[in-house]
Amino acid sequence: MLPGFLTAIAASTCDLYSKFALRTKTLKVSTFVTLSYIWQCLFLLPAVPFLLNLDDIFFTPFYLFCFFAMTITAVIFSLMYYEGIKHEKFERLMPSFQVTVLFTVLGAFIFFPDERNILHVIFALIAGLAVLSIYIEKHHFVFNKYSAIIFGAAILWSIHNLLVKQLLVVMSPFTFVFLRSLAGGIIYLLIFGIRRDEIRDKRIAPLLIYVFLNLGDWLIRTWSIQSIGLVLTTLLLTLVPIMTMWGGHIFLKEKVHMKNIVATFVIIGAITTMLLV
């Protein structure tokens, strides 16, 4: 289960930093995402001769279609997600995005025979509902243009997760992350391009930090999916909002409500029970 726990830590760190970078800097979302993909690809490039591992089955029509669909969903998702969190309060958008857990788990159960462990699915759904309860409050949840964008991104992300699971059958985690970054970077460059006046020295360092965090997140995430499966990885990722919430309470003195404490116990209980059965 170590890959799943490491994934939760990497994902929470990456999400918090991306929100900070977009809120405090003046990079456009399209520029932010384009440079992220390109630099991830460039950072991985020196290791390609040693770590690239791609099965010949990848070049069959089915897997080529899966890769194309995964790339398109990733590209559209990134624009929708970062546009949403740039313009709206994080807590108001999370109820829309956290349905990803439910969609991903149910999709994995339907489409992948090796993910049909009913106990794992039940625990993941319980944890997913507990995560939703953390964010749903009358004064927080407002369904507006940006929450609709995030809900659409959640659906795309669930589809994307299922495609990632399928593609990891024919490639290593490193290969997947490299090809995903390469394809995404090319598409973003063709659509948006980058103007030199959009990039200033003071913006480079925060973006480079995000690139390293995002690379770590994806390498660990794909390793986890390949090692322990999509359902278990998704279940352990429900720790992300818990870690974020308690981190905010400890370091930023943010208030924690009783229902948040209950949700914490439910999620930890679901994960602990799953590990014991």
Protein backbone atom coordinates (compact mmCIF):
# COMPACT_ATOMS: atom_id res chain seq x y z
CA MET A 1 0.00 0.00 0.00
CA LEU A 2 3.06 2.28 0.19
CA PRO A 3 2.59 3.60 -3.39
CA GLY A 4 -0.96 4.70 -2.55
CA PHE A 5 0.07 6.56 0.62
CA LEU A 6 2.93 8.27 -1.22
CA THR A 7 0.48 9.23 -3.96
CA ALA A 8 -1.82 10.92 -1.43
CA ILE A 9 1.09 12.96 -0.03
CA ALA A 10 2.34 13.96 -3.49
CA ALA A 11 -1.13 14.85 -4.78
CA SER A 12 -2.05 17.05 -1.81
CA THR A 13 1.25 18.93 -2.02
CA CYS A 14 0.89 19.45 -5.77
CA ASP A 15 -2.74 20.63 -5.58
CA LEU A 16 -2.05 23.16 -2.84
CA TYR A 17 0.98 24.57 -4.61
CA SER A 18 -0.77 24.87 -7.99
CA LYS A 19 -3.54 26.88 -6.35
CA PHE A 20 -0.94 29.12 -4.65
CA ALA A 21 0.98 29.63 -7.92
CA LEU A 22 -2.12 30.58 -9.90
CA ARG A 23 -3.52 32.89 -7.24
CA THR A 24 -0.29 34.76 -6.49
CA LYS A 25 1.20 35.01 -9.98
CA THR A 26 -0.15 36.51 -13.17
CA LEU A 27 0.43 33.62 -15.54
CA LYS A 28 -2.53 32.80 -17.74
CA VAL A 29 -3.97 29.33 -17.25
CA SER A 30 -3.08 28.31 -20.83
CA THR A 31 0.52 29.48 -20.38
CA PHE A 32 0.78 27.81 -16.96
CA VAL A 33 -0.41 24.43 -18.27
CA THR A 34 1.54 24.60 -21.57
CA LEU A 35 4.85 25.31 -19.85
CA SER A 36 4.11 22.64 -17.24
CA TYR A 37 3.70 19.93 -19.88
CA ILE A 38 6.72 21.05 -21.91
CA TRP A 39 9.10 21.26 -18.96
CA GLN A 40 7.96 17.94 -17.57
CA CYS A 41 8.81 16.37 -20.91
CA LEU A 42 12.21 18.10 -21.04
CA PHE A 43 13.09 17.05 -17.49
CA LEU A 44 12.33 13.41 -18.30
CA LEU A 45 14.06 13.44 -21.69
CA PRO A 46 17.60 12.53 -20.46
CA ALA A 47 16.27 9.32 -18.87
CA VAL A 48 14.32 8.19 -21.94
CA PRO A 49 17.11 5.97 -23.41
CA PHE A 50 17.35 4.10 -20.11
CA LEU A 51 13.78 3.95 -18.78
CA LEU A 52 11.45 4.02 -21.79
CA ASN A 53 9.53 0.74 -21.86
CA LEU A 54 6.75 0.37 -24.42
CA ASP A 55 5.07 -2.88 -25.45
CA ASP A 56 4.47 -3.44 -29.19
CA ILE A 57 0.76 -3.92 -28.40
CA PHE A 58 0.59 -0.17 -27.83
CA PHE A 59 0.66 0.37 -31.60
CA THR A 60 -2.59 -1.55 -32.16
CA PRO A 61 -5.70 0.55 -32.98
CA PHE A 62 -7.29 0.00 -29.55
CA TYR A 63 -4.36 1.29 -27.50
CA LEU A 64 -3.63 4.13 -29.92
CA PHE A 65 -7.25 5.22 -29.50
CA CYS A 66 -6.92 4.95 -25.70
CA PHE A 67 -3.81 7.11 -25.76
CA PHE A 68 -5.45 9.70 -28.00
CA ALA A 69 -8.56 9.80 -25.79
CA MET A 70 -6.43 10.02 -22.63
CA THR A 71 -4.44 12.93 -24.06
CA ILE A 72 -7.53 14.87 -25.13
CA THR A 73 -9.27 14.37 -21.78
CA ALA A 74 -6.07 15.42 -19.94
CA VAL A 75 -5.71 18.57 -22.05
CA ILE A 76 -9.33 19.67 -21.64
CA PHE A 77 -9.36 18.72 -17.96
CA SER A 78 -6.29 20.81 -17.15
CA LEU A 79 -7.78 23.93 -18.72
CA MET A 80 -11.12 23.46 -16.97
CA TYR A 81 -9.69 22.57 -13.56
CA TYR A 82 -7.11 25.34 -13.31
CA GLU A 83 -9.52 27.91 -14.74
CA GLY A 84 -11.96 26.97 -11.99
CA ILE A 85 -9.56 27.09 -9.04
CA LYS A 86 -8.02 30.33 -10.28
CA HIS A 87 -11.30 32.24 -10.15
CA GLU A 88 -13.31 30.64 -7.34
CA LYS A 89 -12.75 29.74 -3.71
CA PHE A 90 -11.35 26.25 -3.37
CA GLU A 91 -13.94 25.01 -0.85
CA ARG A 92 -16.82 26.08 -3.09
CA LEU A 93 -15.54 23.96 -5.96
CA MET A 94 -14.55 20.79 -4.14
CA PRO A 95 -18.06 19.26 -3.86
CA SER A 96 -18.23 19.33 -7.66
CA PHE A 97 -14.80 17.75 -8.07
CA GLN A 98 -14.93 15.12 -5.33
CA VAL A 99 -17.55 13.13 -7.28
CA THR A 100 -14.49 11.95 -9.21
CA VAL A 101 -13.94 9.32 -6.51
CA LEU A 102 -17.42 7.86 -7.02
CA PHE A 103 -17.26 7.91 -10.82
CA THR A 104 -13.75 6.43 -10.95
CA VAL A 105 -14.50 3.59 -8.54
CA LEU A 106 -17.76 2.64 -10.25
CA GLY A 107 -16.12 2.86 -13.69
CA ALA A 108 -13.22 0.65 -12.61
CA PHE A 109 -15.65 -1.90 -11.17
CA ILE A 110 -17.63 -2.00 -14.42
CA PHE A 111 -14.80 -2.09 -16.96
CA PHE A 112 -11.92 -3.94 -15.24
CA PRO A 113 -12.42 -7.50 -13.92
CA ASP A 114 -9.33 -7.24 -11.68
CA GLU A 115 -10.91 -4.26 -9.89
CA ARG A 116 -14.08 -6.14 -8.92
CA ASN A 117 -13.29 -6.66 -5.26
CA ILE A 118 -16.64 -5.71 -3.79
CA LEU A 119 -15.19 -4.88 -0.35
CA HIS A 120 -12.62 -2.50 -1.81
CA VAL A 121 -15.32 -0.82 -3.90
CA ILE A 122 -17.65 -0.43 -0.89
CA PHE A 123 -14.89 1.08 1.28
CA ALA A 124 -13.86 3.44 -1.53
CA LEU A 125 -17.46 4.61 -2.02
CA ILE A 126 -17.88 5.17 1.73
CA ALA A 127 -14.66 7.19 1.83
CA GLY A 128 -15.76 9.15 -1.25
CA LEU A 129 -19.07 10.09 0.36
CA ALA A 130 -17.22 11.09 3.53
CA VAL A 131 -15.00 13.41 1.48
CA LEU A 132 -18.10 15.01 -0.07
CA SER A 133 -19.50 15.65 3.41
CA ILE A 134 -16.41 17.67 4.30
CA TYR A 135 -17.05 20.26 1.62
CA ILE A 136 -20.83 20.41 1.30
CA GLU A 137 -22.03 23.35 3.36
CA LYS A 138 -24.78 25.80 2.49
CA HIS A 139 -22.51 28.82 2.72
CA HIS A 140 -19.72 27.09 0.78
CA PHE A 141 -21.34 25.20 -2.07
CA VAL A 142 -22.59 27.57 -4.75
CA PHE A 143 -23.41 26.09 -8.14
CA ASN A 144 -22.18 28.70 -10.59
CA LYS A 145 -20.19 28.81 -13.82
CA TYR A 146 -16.97 27.69 -12.17
CA SER A 147 -18.49 24.86 -10.14
CA ALA A 148 -20.11 23.63 -13.38
CA ILE A 149 -16.70 23.76 -15.05
CA ILE A 150 -15.18 21.74 -12.20
CA PHE A 151 -18.02 19.19 -12.35
CA GLY A 152 -17.33 18.72 -16.07
CA ALA A 153 -13.63 18.38 -15.24
CA ALA A 154 -14.51 15.70 -12.66
CA ILE A 155 -16.28 13.61 -15.30
CA LEU A 156 -13.34 13.99 -17.68
CA TRP A 157 -10.90 13.09 -14.91
CA SER A 158 -12.80 9.91 -14.10
CA ILE A 159 -12.65 8.88 -17.77
CA HIS A 160 -8.98 9.82 -17.84
CA ASN A 161 -8.26 7.62 -14.80
CA LEU A 162 -9.86 4.62 -16.50
CA LEU A 163 -7.78 5.21 -19.64
CA VAL A 164 -4.61 5.51 -17.54
CA LYS A 165 -5.37 2.14 -15.95
CA GLN A 166 -5.74 0.55 -19.41
CA LEU A 167 -2.60 2.15 -20.85
CA LEU A 168 -0.42 1.00 -17.96
CA VAL A 169 -0.96 -2.55 -19.22
CA VAL A 170 1.38 -1.82 -22.15
CA MET A 171 3.83 0.74 -20.73
CA SER A 172 5.77 1.59 -17.59
CA PRO A 173 4.82 4.53 -15.36
CA PHE A 174 7.85 6.50 -16.60
CA THR A 175 6.91 5.87 -20.24
CA PHE A 176 3.32 6.91 -19.61
CA VAL A 177 4.27 10.18 -17.89
CA PHE A 178 6.80 11.04 -20.60
CA LEU A 179 4.44 10.34 -23.52
CA ARG A 180 1.56 12.13 -21.75
CA SER A 181 3.73 15.22 -21.19
CA LEU A 182 5.05 15.11 -24.77
CA ALA A 183 1.62 14.77 -26.39
CA GLY A 184 0.00 17.34 -24.09
CA GLY A 185 2.81 19.85 -24.62
CA ILE A 186 2.60 19.56 -28.40
CA ILE A 187 -1.19 20.03 -28.39
CA TYR A 188 -1.02 23.05 -26.08
CA LEU A 189 1.73 24.66 -28.18
CA LEU A 190 -0.30 24.19 -31.36
CA ILE A 191 -3.44 25.63 -29.79
CA PHE A 192 -2.08 28.48 -27.63
CA GLY A 193 1.61 28.98 -28.35
CA ILE A 194 3.74 30.97 -25.91
CA ARG A 195 4.70 34.63 -26.18
CA ARG A 196 8.01 35.67 -24.67
CA ASP A 197 6.44 38.66 -22.97
CA GLU A 198 4.18 36.29 -20.99
CA ILE A 199 7.16 34.80 -19.16
CA ARG A 200 9.21 36.82 -16.72
CA ASP A 201 12.03 35.68 -14.47
CA LYS A 202 9.99 36.09 -11.28
CA ARG A 203 7.40 33.63 -12.61
CA ILE A 204 9.79 30.87 -13.58
CA ALA A 205 10.81 29.60 -10.12
CA PRO A 206 7.24 28.95 -8.83
CA LEU A 207 6.36 27.17 -12.08
CA LEU A 208 9.49 25.01 -11.95
CA ILE A 209 8.62 24.00 -8.39
CA TYR A 210 5.15 22.99 -9.58
CA VAL A 211 6.63 20.98 -12.46
CA PHE A 212 8.80 18.94 -10.09
CA LEU A 213 5.87 18.38 -7.72
CA ASN A 214 3.58 17.37 -10.56
CA LEU A 215 6.16 14.99 -12.02
CA GLY A 216 6.60 13.33 -8.65
CA ASP A 217 2.83 13.09 -8.23
CA TRP A 218 2.33 11.42 -11.61
CA LEU A 219 5.24 9.01 -11.38
CA ILE A 220 4.08 7.82 -7.96
CA ARG A 221 0.40 7.82 -8.96
CA THR A 222 0.94 5.64 -12.04
CA TRP A 223 3.23 3.33 -10.07
CA SER A 224 0.45 2.96 -7.50
CA ILE A 225 -2.24 2.24 -10.10
CA GLN A 226 -0.02 -0.36 -11.74
CA SER A 227 0.99 -1.93 -8.41
CA ILE A 228 -2.20 -1.99 -6.31
CA GLY A 229 -4.94 -1.07 -8.77
CA LEU A 230 -7.11 1.95 -9.52
CA VAL A 231 -9.74 1.37 -6.83
CA LEU A 232 -7.24 1.09 -3.98
CA THR A 233 -5.26 4.07 -5.26
CA THR A 234 -8.46 6.12 -5.45
CA LEU A 235 -9.43 5.03 -1.95
CA LEU A 236 -6.06 6.13 -0.55
CA LEU A 237 -6.34 9.44 -2.42
CA THR A 238 -9.34 10.28 -0.25
CA LEU A 239 -6.68 11.06 2.35
CA VAL A 240 -5.75 14.16 0.32
CA PRO A 241 -8.61 16.43 1.50
CA ILE A 242 -8.12 15.14 5.05
CA MET A 243 -4.43 16.03 4.98
CA THR A 244 -5.23 19.42 3.45
CA MET A 245 -7.93 20.16 6.03
CA TRP A 246 -5.83 19.25 9.07
CA GLY A 247 -2.78 20.99 7.62
CA GLY A 248 -4.84 24.16 7.33
CA HIS A 249 -6.02 23.72 10.92
CA ILE A 250 -2.52 23.19 12.31
CA PHE A 251 -0.59 25.77 10.30
CA LEU A 252 -3.24 28.34 9.32
CA LYS A 253 -5.54 28.02 12.35
CA GLU A 254 -8.52 27.22 10.12
CA LYS A 255 -11.62 25.99 11.94
CA VAL A 256 -12.46 22.26 11.87
CA HIS A 257 -16.12 21.34 12.38
CA MET A 258 -17.43 18.22 14.09
CA LYS A 259 -18.60 16.72 10.80
CA ASN A 260 -15.02 17.09 9.49
CA ILE A 261 -13.74 15.12 12.47
CA VAL A 262 -16.37 12.43 11.85
CA ALA A 263 -15.44 12.30 8.15
CA THR A 264 -11.79 11.89 9.11
CA PHE A 265 -12.59 8.87 11.27
CA VAL A 266 -14.83 7.40 8.54
CA ILE A 267 -12.13 7.68 5.88
CA ILE A 268 -9.33 6.37 8.12
CA GLY A 269 -11.68 3.61 9.32
CA ALA A 270 -12.52 2.60 5.75
CA ILE A 271 -8.84 2.46 4.78
CA THR A 272 -7.83 0.60 7.96
CA THR A 273 -10.64 -1.96 7.56
CA MET A 274 -9.70 -2.47 3.92
CA LEU A 275 -6.09 -3.17 4.94
CA LEU A 276 -7.18 -5.72 7.54
CA VAL A 277 -9.62 -7.76 5.44
